[in-house]
């Protein structure tokens, strides 16, 4: 994902959050419209988290493959 796509998703999340807040003020917590909007916001946040986790996992995998373990060649102390 490039920065434009991330910005768009961030904007969608903020817009959904604001709409949820407005609906809550107008209808209260238990109204079907409020619950539906909360589920929509939750799905957008899940999408954002999946993007972040996939990106973070990819970078972590690349780093571990490129950088050899520093501890691999250090001998363990002898138990006495």
Protein backbone atom coordinates (compact mmCIF):
# COMPACT_ATOMS: atom_id res chain seq x y z
CA UNK A 1 0.00 0.00 0.00
CA UNK A 2 1.29 3.42 -0.82
CA UNK A 3 0.83 6.60 1.23
CA UNK A 4 -2.23 7.72 -0.78
CA UNK A 5 -4.06 4.49 0.04
CA UNK A 6 -3.09 4.75 3.72
CA UNK A 7 -4.26 8.35 3.85
CA UNK A 8 -7.56 7.35 2.28
CA UNK A 9 -8.07 4.58 4.84
CA UNK A 10 -7.10 6.97 7.65
CA UNK A 11 -9.62 9.48 6.33
CA UNK A 12 -12.29 6.77 6.14
CA UNK A 13 -11.59 5.79 9.74
CA UNK A 14 -11.79 9.38 10.95
CA UNK A 15 -15.00 10.01 9.01
CA UNK A 16 -16.57 6.81 10.37
CA UNK A 17 -15.48 7.72 13.90
CA UNK A 18 -17.02 11.18 13.62
CA UNK A 19 -20.26 9.74 12.22
CA UNK A 20 -20.39 7.24 15.08
CA UNK A 21 -19.96 10.07 17.57
CA UNK A 22 -22.73 12.10 15.90
CA UNK A 23 -25.11 9.13 15.77
CA UNK A 24 -24.42 8.33 19.42
CA UNK A 25 -25.23 11.90 20.45
CA UNK A 26 -28.47 11.81 18.46
CA UNK A 27 -29.77 8.29 19.20
CA UNK A 28 -27.89 6.89 22.18
CA UNK A 29 -25.82 3.73 22.50
CA UNK A 30 -28.31 0.94 21.78
CA UNK A 31 -29.80 2.26 18.53
CA UNK A 32 -29.35 0.01 15.49
CA UNK A 33 -27.77 2.82 13.44
CA UNK A 34 -25.16 3.42 16.13
CA UNK A 35 -24.33 -0.28 16.39
CA UNK A 36 -24.10 -0.62 12.62
CA UNK A 37 -21.76 2.37 12.42
CA UNK A 38 -19.64 0.94 15.25
CA UNK A 39 -19.28 -2.31 13.28
CA UNK A 40 -18.29 -0.37 10.16
CA UNK A 41 -15.66 1.57 12.10
CA UNK A 42 -14.40 -1.66 13.64
CA UNK A 43 -13.95 -3.23 10.20
CA UNK A 44 -12.02 -0.21 8.95
CA UNK A 45 -9.74 -0.40 12.00
CA UNK A 46 -9.26 -4.13 11.38
CA UNK A 47 -8.26 -3.39 7.77
CA UNK A 48 -5.75 -0.82 9.01
CA UNK A 49 -4.33 -3.26 11.55
CA UNK A 50 -4.02 -6.04 8.96
CA UNK A 51 -2.11 -3.68 6.65
CA UNK A 52 0.23 -2.67 9.47
CA UNK A 53 0.80 -6.25 10.63
CA UNK A 54 1.53 -7.48 7.10
CA UNK A 55 3.95 -4.62 6.49
CA UNK A 56 5.62 -5.08 9.89
CA UNK A 57 5.91 -8.86 9.40
CA UNK A 58 7.45 -8.38 5.94
CA UNK A 59 10.05 -5.91 7.23
CA UNK A 60 10.83 -8.13 10.21
CA UNK A 61 11.25 -11.16 7.92
CA UNK A 62 13.57 -9.25 5.60
CA UNK A 63 15.67 -8.02 8.50
CA UNK A 64 16.07 -11.44 10.09
CA UNK A 65 17.09 -12.96 6.75
CA UNK A 66 19.62 -10.24 5.95
CA UNK A 67 21.16 -9.84 9.40
CA UNK A 68 22.75 -13.01 10.80
CA UNK A 69 22.17 -13.78 14.45
CA UNK A 70 24.86 -12.22 16.62
CA UNK A 71 24.28 -14.74 19.39
CA UNK A 72 24.76 -17.76 17.16
CA UNK A 73 28.56 -17.77 17.51
CA UNK A 74 28.78 -16.87 21.21
CA UNK A 75 29.53 -19.96 23.32
CA UNK A 76 27.34 -20.70 26.31
CA UNK A 77 29.04 -20.68 29.72
CA UNK A 78 29.93 -24.08 31.20
CA UNK A 79 27.65 -25.05 34.07
CA UNK A 80 29.66 -25.65 37.24
